[in-house]
Amino acid sequence: MSNLDISHSIAQRIAIIRQQIPASIRLIAVTKQVSVEAMQAAYEAGIRDFGESKIQEAVVKQEKFKDFEDITWHLIGHLQSNKASKALAQFQWIHSLHSLKLARRLNKLAEQQSLKPKICLQVKLLPDPDKYGWSVSQLMLDFPQLNQYKHLDICGLMTIPPQGLTAEETLSMFQHARELADKIQQQFGLPLPHLSMGMSADYLLAVQAGATTIRLGRVLFGERSM
């Protein structure tokens, strides 16, 4: 397939998804193992939000797009404590803050760097040994302290369903995330307007449940070839 054909295919896929979701929903193109050429095609089709899982891979791509000042970069993968400073320097959004200890470190580093990144708290709403994140009970215990970290713009929740759920179970879990955000606002007075949930296999269910941000890779770019 030629580069022109690839660009046309990506543009078509983006157009179809745009027709399926409200205009208000932020569509993040997940570009892990996606070529710069494919990212360029997505940009030309209107994508301005790009999500990366690994900081080292992101840095290379960000250099290629350094003159594109309207792009917002999102860290959506697991964040290790020793990569926190680099993450702050490279990403405007961090969707995977998963512990109070890491929040404390990010807040201190953000203060030192005069930054205030937008943060989604990763919550694990169902048991899943393969995922990081707060349990609901632990998040409610930690939230008063999180609310004190003034150099973090904590503005949403992020969640990923475990493998093997039915559509009904997935929808229920996404609805639980919406209810949790509302509960936090009522109890602690901090609005959490952003719900980062929904990927290629389940984004329509996430939208139905109230997602404000969806993270799509395969459905935009096809299976990874790199």
Foldseek 3Di string as FASTA:
>chain_A
DDLVVLLVQLLVLVVVVPVLFDPQAQEEAEQELNDLSNVVSVVVSPHQEYEYADLVVQVVSCVVVVVVVSHAYEHEHADDLVCLLVCQVRHQEYQEAADPVSLVSNLVSLVVVVAAHEYAFEEEDDDDPVDGHHHLVVCVVCVVVSVPSVSYNDAAHEYEDHPDDDLVVVLVSLLVRVVSQVVCCVVPVHHRQAYEDEEDVRNSSNSVSPHRYYYYYCSSNNDNDD
